[in-house]
C-alpha atoms as a PDB file:
ATOM      1  CA  MET A   1     -85.917 -41.667 214.127  1.00  0.00           C
ATOM      2  CA  SER A   2     -83.336 -44.315 215.003  1.00  0.00           C
ATOM      3  CA  HIS A   3     -81.158 -45.366 212.094  1.00  0.00           C
ATOM      4  CA  ARG A   4     -79.103 -48.513 211.543  1.00  0.00           C
ATOM      5  CA  VAL A   5     -76.182 -48.754 209.117  1.00  0.00           C
ATOM      6  CA  LEU A   6     -75.113 -51.919 207.311  1.00  0.00           C
ATOM      7  CA  VAL A   7     -71.461 -51.921 206.262  1.00  0.00           C
ATOM      8  CA  THR A   8     -70.540 -54.324 203.471  1.00  0.00           C
ATOM      9  CA  GLY A   9     -66.864 -55.077 202.911  1.00  0.00           C
ATOM     10  CA  ALA A  10     -66.522 -54.390 206.621  1.00  0.00           C
ATOM     11  CA  THR A  11     -63.166 -56.116 207.088  1.00  0.00           C
ATOM     12  CA  GLY A  12     -61.592 -54.406 204.070  1.00  0.00           C
ATOM     13  CA  THR A  13     -59.394 -51.328 203.814  1.00  0.00           C
ATOM     14  CA  VAL A  14     -62.156 -48.708 203.888  1.00  0.00           C
ATOM     15  CA  GLY A  15     -64.836 -50.816 205.583  1.00  0.00           C
ATOM     16  CA  SER A  16     -62.797 -51.560 208.701  1.00  0.00           C
ATOM     17  CA  ALA A  17     -61.894 -47.889 209.152  1.00  0.00           C
ATOM     18  CA  LEU A  18     -65.555 -46.969 208.625  1.00  0.00           C
ATOM     19  CA  VAL A  19     -66.745 -49.436 211.271  1.00  0.00           C
ATOM     20  CA  GLU A  20     -64.330 -47.905 213.774  1.00  0.00           C
ATOM     21  CA  ARG A  21     -65.662 -44.438 212.915  1.00  0.00           C
ATOM     22  CA  LEU A  22     -69.294 -45.471 213.283  1.00  0.00           C
ATOM     23  CA  ARG A  23     -68.626 -47.174 216.613  1.00  0.00           C
ATOM     24  CA  ALA A  24     -67.879 -43.730 218.013  1.00  0.00           C
ATOM     25  CA  SER A  25     -71.260 -42.418 216.819  1.00  0.00           C
ATOM     26  CA  PRO A  26     -74.717 -43.023 218.319  1.00  0.00           C
ATOM     27  CA  VAL A  27     -75.847 -44.772 215.113  1.00  0.00           C
ATOM     28  CA  PRO A  28     -75.982 -48.579 215.464  1.00  0.00           C
ATOM     29  CA  VAL A  29     -73.774 -50.397 212.972  1.00  0.00           C
ATOM     30  CA  ARG A  30     -74.128 -53.913 211.582  1.00  0.00           C
ATOM     31  CA  VAL A  31     -71.032 -55.583 210.150  1.00  0.00           C
ATOM     32  CA  ALA A  32     -71.626 -57.732 207.070  1.00  0.00           C
ATOM     33  CA  ALA A  33     -68.902 -60.346 206.649  1.00  0.00           C
ATOM     34  CA  ARG A  34     -68.448 -63.813 205.228  1.00  0.00           C
ATOM     35  CA  SER A  35     -67.141 -64.850 208.632  1.00  0.00           C
ATOM     36  CA  PRO A  36     -68.959 -63.152 211.532  1.00  0.00           C
ATOM     37  CA  ASP A  37     -66.517 -64.799 213.943  1.00  0.00           C
ATOM     38  CA  ALA A  38     -63.576 -63.163 212.183  1.00  0.00           C
ATOM     39  CA  ALA A  39     -65.409 -59.829 212.252  1.00  0.00           C
ATOM     40  CA  ARG A  40     -66.084 -60.147 215.975  1.00  0.00           C
ATOM     41  CA  GLU A  41     -62.438 -61.000 216.551  1.00  0.00           C
ATOM     42  CA  ARG A  42     -61.461 -57.846 214.680  1.00  0.00           C
ATOM     43  CA  PHE A  43     -64.020 -55.415 216.077  1.00  0.00           C
ATOM     44  CA  GLY A  44     -64.956 -56.950 219.419  1.00  0.00           C
ATOM     45  CA  ASP A  45     -68.493 -57.336 220.664  1.00  0.00           C
ATOM     46  CA  GLY A  46     -69.523 -53.727 220.001  1.00  0.00           C
ATOM     47  CA  PRO A  47     -70.940 -53.802 216.472  1.00  0.00           C
ATOM     48  CA  GLU A  48     -73.398 -56.511 215.493  1.00  0.00           C
ATOM     49  CA  SER A  49     -71.868 -59.020 213.051  1.00  0.00           C
ATOM     50  CA  VAL A  50     -73.887 -61.035 210.546  1.00  0.00           C
ATOM     51  CA  ALA A  51     -73.010 -63.614 207.901  1.00  0.00           C
ATOM     52  CA  PHE A  52     -73.179 -62.050 204.444  1.00  0.00           C
ATOM     53  CA  ASP A  53     -72.150 -63.017 200.934  1.00  0.00           C
ATOM     54  CA  LEU A  54     -73.203 -61.129 197.805  1.00  0.00           C
ATOM     55  CA  THR A  55     -73.244 -64.397 195.867  1.00  0.00           C
ATOM     56  CA  ARG A  56     -75.635 -66.021 198.376  1.00  0.00           C
ATOM     57  CA  PRO A  57     -78.994 -64.181 198.426  1.00  0.00           C
ATOM     58  CA  GLU A  58     -80.124 -66.341 201.331  1.00  0.00           C
ATOM     59  CA  THR A  59     -77.783 -64.271 203.546  1.00  0.00           C
ATOM     60  CA  TRP A  60     -79.256 -60.925 202.530  1.00  0.00           C
ATOM     61  CA  GLY A  61     -82.436 -60.960 204.608  1.00  0.00           C
ATOM     62  CA  ALA A  62     -80.770 -61.146 208.015  1.00  0.00           C
ATOM     63  CA  ALA A  63     -78.197 -58.550 206.959  1.00  0.00           C
ATOM     64  CA  LEU A  64     -80.857 -56.064 205.821  1.00  0.00           C
ATOM     65  CA  ASP A  65     -83.392 -56.606 208.597  1.00  0.00           C
ATOM     66  CA  GLY A  66     -84.071 -53.270 210.284  1.00  0.00           C
ATOM     67  CA  VAL A  67     -81.446 -51.424 208.233  1.00  0.00           C
ATOM     68  CA  ASP A  68     -82.164 -48.078 206.557  1.00  0.00           C
ATOM     69  CA  ARG A  69     -78.637 -46.989 205.574  1.00  0.00           C
ATOM     70  CA  LEU A  70     -76.098 -48.929 203.553  1.00  0.00           C
ATOM     71  CA  PHE A  71     -72.412 -48.639 202.759  1.00  0.00           C
ATOM     72  CA  LEU A  72     -72.027 -50.493 199.471  1.00  0.00           C
ATOM     73  CA  LEU A  73     -68.724 -51.953 198.354  1.00  0.00           C
ATOM     74  CA  PHE A  74     -68.186 -53.517 194.930  1.00  0.00           C
ATOM     75  CA  PRO A  75     -65.894 -56.558 195.118  1.00  0.00           C
ATOM     76  CA  PRO A  76     -64.475 -56.893 191.556  1.00  0.00           C
ATOM     77  CA  ARG A  77     -64.406 -60.680 191.716  1.00  0.00           C
ATOM     78  CA  VAL A  78     -68.157 -60.823 192.343  1.00  0.00           C
ATOM     79  CA  GLY A  79     -69.355 -58.974 189.242  1.00  0.00           C
ATOM     80  CA  VAL A  80     -71.993 -56.303 188.806  1.00  0.00           C
ATOM     81  CA  ARG A  81     -75.187 -58.368 188.690  1.00  0.00           C
ATOM     82  CA  PRO A  82     -75.165 -59.647 192.300  1.00  0.00           C
ATOM     83  CA  VAL A  83     -74.459 -56.112 193.509  1.00  0.00           C
ATOM     84  CA  THR A  84     -77.387 -54.568 191.632  1.00  0.00           C
ATOM     85  CA  ALA A  85     -79.697 -57.375 192.746  1.00  0.00           C
ATOM     86  CA  PHE A  86     -78.647 -56.711 196.343  1.00  0.00           C
ATOM     87  CA  VAL A  87     -79.364 -52.998 195.891  1.00  0.00           C
ATOM     88  CA  ASP A  88     -82.893 -53.835 194.738  1.00  0.00           C
ATOM     89  CA  ALA A  89     -83.388 -56.089 197.754  1.00  0.00           C
ATOM     90  CA  ALA A  90     -82.086 -53.377 200.063  1.00  0.00           C
ATOM     91  CA  VAL A  91     -84.525 -50.790 198.718  1.00  0.00           C
ATOM     92  CA  ARG A  92     -87.442 -53.249 198.969  1.00  0.00           C
ATOM     93  CA  THR A  93     -86.643 -53.886 202.644  1.00  0.00           C
ATOM     94  CA  GLY A  94     -86.460 -50.213 203.626  1.00  0.00           C
ATOM     95  CA  VAL A  95     -82.965 -48.881 202.917  1.00  0.00           C
ATOM     96  CA  GLU A  96     -83.355 -45.159 202.290  1.00  0.00           C
ATOM     97  CA  ARG A  97     -79.737 -44.028 201.911  1.00  0.00           C
ATOM     98  CA  VAL A  98     -76.871 -45.748 200.049  1.00  0.00           C
ATOM     99  CA  VAL A  99     -73.250 -44.627 200.124  1.00  0.00           C
ATOM    100  CA  THR A 100     -71.289 -46.324 197.346  1.00  0.00           C
ATOM    101  CA  LEU A 101     -67.522 -46.743 197.195  1.00  0.00           C
ATOM    102  CA  SER A 102     -66.561 -45.979 193.615  1.00  0.00           C
ATOM    103  CA  VAL A 103     -63.460 -44.783 191.741  1.00  0.00           C
ATOM    104  CA  VAL A 104     -62.301 -41.447 190.384  1.00  0.00           C
ATOM    105  CA  GLY A 105     -63.299 -41.157 186.734  1.00  0.00           C
ATOM    106  CA  ALA A 106     -66.354 -43.404 186.939  1.00  0.00           C
ATOM    107  CA  ASP A 107     -68.494 -40.562 185.615  1.00  0.00           C
ATOM    108  CA  ARG A 108     -66.317 -40.314 182.488  1.00  0.00           C
ATOM    109  CA  VAL A 109     -66.180 -44.025 181.664  1.00  0.00           C
ATOM    110  CA  PRO A 110     -69.760 -45.369 181.468  1.00  0.00           C
ATOM    111  CA  VAL A 111     -68.637 -48.959 180.866  1.00  0.00           C
ATOM    112  CA  LEU A 112     -66.785 -49.155 184.172  1.00  0.00           C
ATOM    113  CA  PRO A 113     -68.570 -51.562 186.541  1.00  0.00           C
ATOM    114  CA  HIS A 114     -68.441 -48.915 189.254  1.00  0.00           C
ATOM    115  CA  ARG A 115     -70.431 -46.497 187.079  1.00  0.00           C
ATOM    116  CA  ARG A 116     -72.929 -49.192 186.161  1.00  0.00           C
ATOM    117  CA  ILE A 117     -73.510 -49.761 189.866  1.00  0.00           C
ATOM    118  CA  GLU A 118     -73.771 -46.032 190.530  1.00  0.00           C
ATOM    119  CA  ARG A 119     -76.419 -45.658 187.849  1.00  0.00           C
ATOM    120  CA  HIS A 120     -78.399 -48.620 189.179  1.00  0.00           C
ATOM    121  CA  VAL A 121     -78.395 -47.141 192.672  1.00  0.00           C
ATOM    122  CA  GLU A 122     -79.629 -43.831 191.247  1.00  0.00           C
ATOM    123  CA  ARG A 123     -82.476 -45.552 189.386  1.00  0.00           C
ATOM    124  CA  ALA A 124     -83.418 -47.707 192.384  1.00  0.00           C
ATOM    125  CA  GLY A 125     -84.596 -44.640 194.272  1.00  0.00           C
ATOM    126  CA  PRO A 126     -82.766 -44.240 197.592  1.00  0.00           C
ATOM    127  CA  ALA A 127     -80.832 -41.125 198.489  1.00  0.00           C
ATOM    128  CA  TYR A 128     -77.289 -41.806 197.332  1.00  0.00           C
ATOM    129  CA  THR A 129     -73.760 -40.527 197.789  1.00  0.00           C
ATOM    130  CA  HIS A 130     -71.044 -41.787 195.458  1.00  0.00           C
ATOM    131  CA  LEU A 131     -67.538 -41.662 196.904  1.00  0.00           C
ATOM    132  CA  ARG A 132     -65.174 -41.799 193.935  1.00  0.00           C
ATOM    133  CA  ALA A 133     -61.883 -42.560 195.612  1.00  0.00           C
ATOM    134  CA  GLY A 134     -58.375 -42.231 194.272  1.00  0.00           C
ATOM    135  CA  TRP A 135     -55.576 -44.793 194.535  1.00  0.00           C
ATOM    136  CA  PHE A 136     -55.266 -45.954 198.142  1.00  0.00           C
ATOM    137  CA  VAL A 137     -51.859 -45.385 199.725  1.00  0.00           C
ATOM    138  CA  GLN A 138     -52.711 -48.458 201.817  1.00  0.00           C
ATOM    139  CA  ASN A 139     -51.797 -50.519 198.733  1.00  0.00           C
ATOM    140  CA  LEU A 140     -48.190 -49.721 199.632  1.00  0.00           C
ATOM    141  CA  SER A 141     -48.525 -51.450 203.003  1.00  0.00           C
ATOM    142  CA  GLY A 142     -50.315 -54.389 201.381  1.00  0.00           C
ATOM    143  CA  VAL A 143     -49.295 -56.123 198.189  1.00  0.00           C
ATOM    144  CA  HIS A 144     -46.337 -53.749 197.618  1.00  0.00           C
ATOM    145  CA  ARG A 145     -44.946 -53.968 201.155  1.00  0.00           C
ATOM    146  CA  PRO A 146     -42.508 -56.887 200.580  1.00  0.00           C
ATOM    147  CA  ASP A 147     -40.595 -54.848 197.991  1.00  0.00           C
ATOM    148  CA  VAL A 148     -40.154 -51.960 200.422  1.00  0.00           C
ATOM    149  CA  VAL A 149     -39.160 -54.230 203.303  1.00  0.00           C
ATOM    150  CA  GLU A 150     -36.898 -56.630 201.417  1.00  0.00           C
ATOM    151  CA  ARG A 151     -35.483 -54.469 198.596  1.00  0.00           C
ATOM    152  CA  ASP A 152     -35.958 -50.810 199.631  1.00  0.00           C
ATOM    153  CA  GLU A 153     -37.940 -50.466 196.437  1.00  0.00           C
ATOM    154  CA  LEU A 154     -41.305 -49.314 195.135  1.00  0.00           C
ATOM    155  CA  PHE A 155     -41.997 -51.871 192.415  1.00  0.00           C
ATOM    156  CA  VAL A 156     -44.950 -50.377 190.564  1.00  0.00           C
ATOM    157  CA  PRO A 157     -45.309 -50.381 186.747  1.00  0.00           C
ATOM    158  CA  ALA A 158     -46.667 -46.844 186.529  1.00  0.00           C
ATOM    159  CA  GLY A 159     -43.871 -45.290 184.475  1.00  0.00           C
ATOM    160  CA  ARG A 160     -43.345 -41.614 185.246  1.00  0.00           C
ATOM    161  CA  ALA A 161     -47.027 -40.726 185.276  1.00  0.00           C
ATOM    162  CA  ALA A 162     -48.682 -38.983 188.209  1.00  0.00           C
ATOM    163  CA  LEU A 163     -51.809 -40.340 189.850  1.00  0.00           C
ATOM    164  CA  HIS A 164     -54.515 -39.390 192.313  1.00  0.00           C
ATOM    165  CA  LEU A 165     -53.762 -40.721 195.806  1.00  0.00           C
ATOM    166  CA  VAL A 166     -55.886 -40.910 198.939  1.00  0.00           C
ATOM    167  CA  ASP A 167     -55.688 -42.410 202.410  1.00  0.00           C
ATOM    168  CA  ALA A 168     -58.498 -44.913 202.998  1.00  0.00           C
ATOM    169  CA  ARG A 169     -58.969 -43.567 206.516  1.00  0.00           C
ATOM    170  CA  ASP A 170     -59.980 -40.213 205.046  1.00  0.00           C
ATOM    171  CA  VAL A 171     -62.431 -41.922 202.698  1.00  0.00           C
ATOM    172  CA  ALA A 172     -63.928 -43.732 205.696  1.00  0.00           C
ATOM    173  CA  ALA A 173     -64.321 -40.426 207.526  1.00  0.00           C
ATOM    174  CA  VAL A 174     -66.288 -38.973 204.605  1.00  0.00           C
ATOM    175  CA  ALA A 175     -68.373 -42.160 204.353  1.00  0.00           C
ATOM    176  CA  ALA A 176     -69.301 -41.915 208.036  1.00  0.00           C
ATOM    177  CA  THR A 177     -70.415 -38.327 207.524  1.00  0.00           C
ATOM    178  CA  ALA A 178     -72.474 -39.183 204.441  1.00  0.00           C
ATOM    179  CA  LEU A 179     -74.169 -42.031 206.288  1.00  0.00           C
ATOM    180  CA  THR A 180     -75.021 -40.143 209.458  1.00  0.00           C
ATOM    181  CA  GLU A 181     -75.461 -36.474 208.512  1.00  0.00           C
ATOM    182  CA  ALA A 182     -77.752 -34.580 206.168  1.00  0.00           C
ATOM    183  CA  GLY A 183     -76.610 -32.546 203.177  1.00  0.00           C
ATOM    184  CA  HIS A 184     -74.893 -35.234 201.092  1.00  0.00           C
ATOM    185  CA  GLU A 185     -77.933 -36.763 199.424  1.00  0.00           C
ATOM    186  CA  ASN A 186     -77.737 -37.380 195.679  1.00  0.00           C
ATOM    187  CA  ARG A 187     -74.156 -36.161 195.419  1.00  0.00           C
ATOM    188  CA  ALA A 188     -70.909 -37.562 194.026  1.00  0.00           C
ATOM    189  CA  TYR A 189     -67.484 -36.665 195.395  1.00  0.00           C
ATOM    190  CA  ASP A 190     -64.005 -37.240 193.976  1.00  0.00           C
ATOM    191  CA  LEU A 191     -61.768 -38.025 196.954  1.00  0.00           C
ATOM    192  CA  THR A 192     -58.067 -37.408 196.339  1.00  0.00           C
ATOM    193  CA  LEU A 193     -55.105 -35.488 197.669  1.00  0.00           C
ATOM    194  CA  PRO A 194     -55.086 -31.913 196.323  1.00  0.00           C
ATOM    195  CA  GLU A 195     -52.148 -32.585 193.962  1.00  0.00           C
ATOM    196  CA  PRO A 196     -51.250 -35.659 191.886  1.00  0.00           C
ATOM    197  CA  LEU A 197     -47.969 -37.415 192.709  1.00  0.00           C
ATOM    198  CA  ASP A 198     -45.726 -39.690 190.689  1.00  0.00           C
ATOM    199  CA  PHE A 199     -43.933 -42.608 192.308  1.00  0.00           C
ATOM    200  CA  ASP A 200     -40.608 -40.794 192.353  1.00  0.00           C
ATOM    201  CA  ALA A 201     -42.256 -38.323 194.735  1.00  0.00           C
ATOM    202  CA  VAL A 202     -43.806 -41.169 196.739  1.00  0.00           C
ATOM    203  CA  ALA A 203     -40.390 -42.868 197.009  1.00  0.00           C
ATOM    204  CA  ALA A 204     -38.870 -39.588 198.193  1.00  0.00           C
ATOM    205  CA  ALA A 205     -41.544 -39.349 200.899  1.00  0.00           C
ATOM    206  CA  PHE A 206     -40.759 -42.910 202.018  1.00  0.00           C
ATOM    207  CA  SER A 207     -37.041 -42.134 202.094  1.00  0.00           C
ATOM    208  CA  ASP A 208     -37.496 -38.996 204.181  1.00  0.00           C
ATOM    209  CA  VAL A 209     -39.720 -40.637 206.773  1.00  0.00           C
ATOM    210  CA  LEU A 210     -37.956 -44.011 207.004  1.00  0.00           C
ATOM    211  CA  ASP A 211     -34.492 -42.426 206.957  1.00  0.00           C
ATOM    212  CA  ARG A 212     -33.198 -44.820 204.309  1.00  0.00           C
ATOM    213  CA  GLU A 213     -33.236 -44.639 200.552  1.00  0.00           C
ATOM    214  CA  ILE A 214     -36.324 -46.102 198.930  1.00  0.00           C
ATOM    215  CA  ARG A 215     -36.048 -46.056 195.152  1.00  0.00           C
ATOM    216  CA  TYR A 216     -38.712 -46.252 192.490  1.00  0.00           C
ATOM    217  CA  SER A 217     -37.608 -48.682 189.792  1.00  0.00           C
ATOM    218  CA  ALA A 218     -40.454 -48.155 187.264  1.00  0.00           C
ATOM    219  CA  PRO A 219     -40.541 -51.823 186.158  1.00  0.00           C
ATOM    220  CA  SER A 220     -42.176 -53.052 182.980  1.00  0.00           C
ATOM    221  CA  HIS A 221     -45.578 -54.701 183.205  1.00  0.00           C
ATOM    222  CA  LEU A 222     -44.006 -58.049 182.354  1.00  0.00           C
ATOM    223  CA  ALA A 223     -41.436 -57.781 185.163  1.00  0.00           C
ATOM    224  CA  PHE A 224     -44.192 -56.750 187.567  1.00  0.00           C
ATOM    225  CA  VAL A 225     -46.425 -59.679 186.636  1.00  0.00           C
ATOM    226  CA  ARG A 226     -43.535 -62.129 186.917  1.00  0.00           C
ATOM    227  CA  ARG A 227     -42.432 -60.975 190.363  1.00  0.00           C
ATOM    228  CA  LEU A 228     -45.898 -60.955 191.899  1.00  0.00           C
ATOM    229  CA  SER A 229     -46.728 -64.308 190.325  1.00  0.00           C
ATOM    230  CA  ARG A 230     -43.567 -65.835 191.806  1.00  0.00           C
ATOM    231  CA  ARG A 231     -44.570 -64.390 195.155  1.00  0.00           C
ATOM    232  CA  GLY A 232     -47.894 -66.248 194.971  1.00  0.00           C
ATOM    233  CA  VAL A 233     -50.216 -63.280 194.511  1.00  0.00           C
ATOM    234  CA  PRO A 234     -53.504 -64.558 192.970  1.00  0.00           C
ATOM    235  CA  ARG A 235     -53.531 -64.368 189.193  1.00  0.00           C
ATOM    236  CA  SER A 236     -56.803 -62.415 189.108  1.00  0.00           C
ATOM    237  CA  LEU A 237     -55.366 -59.746 191.411  1.00  0.00           C
ATOM    238  CA  VAL A 238     -52.160 -59.477 189.387  1.00  0.00           C
ATOM    239  CA  ALA A 239     -54.187 -59.034 186.193  1.00  0.00           C
ATOM    240  CA  PHE A 240     -56.403 -56.382 187.809  1.00  0.00           C
ATOM    241  CA  MET A 241     -53.380 -54.456 189.077  1.00  0.00           C
ATOM    242  CA  ALA A 242     -51.607 -54.639 185.717  1.00  0.00           C
ATOM    243  CA  LEU A 243     -54.681 -53.122 184.053  1.00  0.00           C
ATOM    244  CA  GLU A 244     -54.944 -50.452 186.733  1.00  0.00           C
ATOM    245  CA  TYR A 245     -51.318 -49.419 186.254  1.00  0.00           C
ATOM    246  CA  ALA A 246     -51.708 -49.402 182.491  1.00  0.00           C
ATOM    247  CA  VAL A 247     -54.356 -46.700 182.976  1.00  0.00           C
ATOM    248  CA  VAL A 248     -51.982 -44.789 185.260  1.00  0.00           C
ATOM    249  CA  ARG A 249     -49.124 -45.120 182.779  1.00  0.00           C
ATOM    250  CA  LEU A 250     -51.260 -43.533 180.060  1.00  0.00           C
ATOM    251  CA  GLY A 251     -51.721 -40.464 182.235  1.00  0.00           C
ATOM    252  CA  LEU A 252     -55.414 -41.088 182.805  1.00  0.00           C
ATOM    253  CA  ALA A 253     -55.285 -41.180 186.610  1.00  0.00           C
ATOM    254  CA  SER A 254     -54.010 -37.725 187.530  1.00  0.00           C
ATOM    255  CA  ARG A 255     -57.329 -35.961 188.097  1.00  0.00           C
ATOM    256  CA  THR A 256     -57.537 -34.399 191.561  1.00  0.00           C
ATOM    257  CA  THR A 257     -60.075 -32.202 193.338  1.00  0.00           C
ATOM    258  CA  ASP A 258     -60.479 -30.277 196.584  1.00  0.00           C
ATOM    259  CA  ASP A 259     -63.572 -32.283 197.599  1.00  0.00           C
ATOM    260  CA  LEU A 260     -61.728 -34.264 200.271  1.00  0.00           C
ATOM    261  CA  ARG A 261     -60.210 -31.244 202.004  1.00  0.00           C
ATOM    262  CA  ARG A 262     -63.577 -29.491 201.998  1.00  0.00           C
ATOM    263  CA  LEU A 263     -65.496 -32.472 203.362  1.00  0.00           C
ATOM    264  CA  LEU A 264     -62.946 -33.268 206.061  1.00  0.00           C
ATOM    265  CA  GLY A 265     -62.577 -29.654 207.121  1.00  0.00           C
ATOM    266  CA  ARG A 266     -58.802 -30.196 207.257  1.00  0.00           C
ATOM    267  CA  ASP A 267     -55.900 -31.159 205.041  1.00  0.00           C
ATOM    268  CA  PRO A 268     -56.106 -34.773 203.841  1.00  0.00           C
ATOM    269  CA  THR A 269     -53.617 -37.261 205.257  1.00  0.00           C
ATOM    270  CA  SER A 270     -50.340 -36.906 203.378  1.00  0.00           C
ATOM    271  CA  VAL A 271     -48.173 -39.740 202.081  1.00  0.00           C
ATOM    272  CA  GLU A 272     -45.556 -38.747 204.680  1.00  0.00           C
ATOM    273  CA  GLN A 273     -48.087 -39.076 207.502  1.00  0.00           C
ATOM    274  CA  PHE A 274     -49.247 -42.446 206.191  1.00  0.00           C
ATOM    275  CA  VAL A 275     -45.664 -43.760 206.147  1.00  0.00           C
ATOM    276  CA  ALA A 276     -45.011 -42.379 209.634  1.00  0.00           C
ATOM    277  CA  ASP A 277     -48.160 -44.054 210.952  1.00  0.00           C
ATOM    278  CA  ASN A 278     -47.009 -47.369 209.443  1.00  0.00           C
ATOM    279  CA  ARG A 279     -43.277 -47.072 210.094  1.00  0.00           C
ATOM    280  CA  GLU A 280     -43.023 -50.473 211.800  1.00  0.00           C
ATOM    281  CA  ALA A 281     -44.693 -52.215 208.848  1.00  0.00           C
ATOM    282  CA  PHE A 282     -41.972 -50.945 206.523  1.00  0.00           C
ATOM    283  CA  ALA A 283     -39.003 -51.755 208.754  1.00  0.00           C
ATOM    284  CA  PRO A 284     -36.523 -54.249 207.220  1.00  0.00           C
ATOM    285  CA  ALA A 285     -36.468 -57.646 208.872  1.00  0.00           C
ATOM    286  CA  GLY A 286     -34.097 -57.716 211.840  1.00  0.00           C
ATOM    287  CA  ARG A 287     -33.951 -53.909 212.134  1.00  0.00           C
ATOM    288  CA  ASP A 288     -36.049 -51.341 213.913  1.00  0.00           C
ATOM    289  CA  GLY A 289     -37.953 -48.737 211.901  1.00  0.00           C
END
């Protein structure tokens, strides 16, 4: 039987890496994006691109037409209800397997929106695989990058607590496997590096690879909110990050497992390898990395 995979959040951190993985497989992939033109510019003419918006049900039909496998991303700004309604529509139109991107600890905190979505997928009836991912190291090349580039600093209000880290490219590799191979039906995986790391250790990894001192300043939440707000980061994102780091600071984000190593069949991508792969992104302005 010929399968077709729909990837939601296809231009995001995990989604874009997943699309690249699936392009190398014989399984046709459809890219769901608010701007199909932007998706085509990013991925070329290989994967099919279709207009899609979780808040606009009129876009769902074309996205789901002929699809039997779904990578489901939960955008926090959208809310749970549109996501669960989309899941119901997907099952009605023939989706038989759903791979959800969730977070580590969702099984222990029933009120988390990610767990509410997981449970809805389970009740809806398709085969499911929940990928409960740790904290993406890609955050350090995103919203935290200016501090590294301009100040040689990791400016993260996590205190001295350790947390579960993961490279989004590894999560995408597991997602591709769960979508295209048998043996992962009705399972949940916690995807993290084998050992938790605090940001002093992350800063040391940056320093070693970049050959310059990167310090971890352990700012207060107030200082963090003020700096990102002055930088123009959206208020909703700043608030979400402040809450996320409050959880880390309480020591509630250090759970790790060996699931990722086992599923990849290799060691997960280390922080050092991530920094090396993104060396140019962290180079100070006017200097080579």
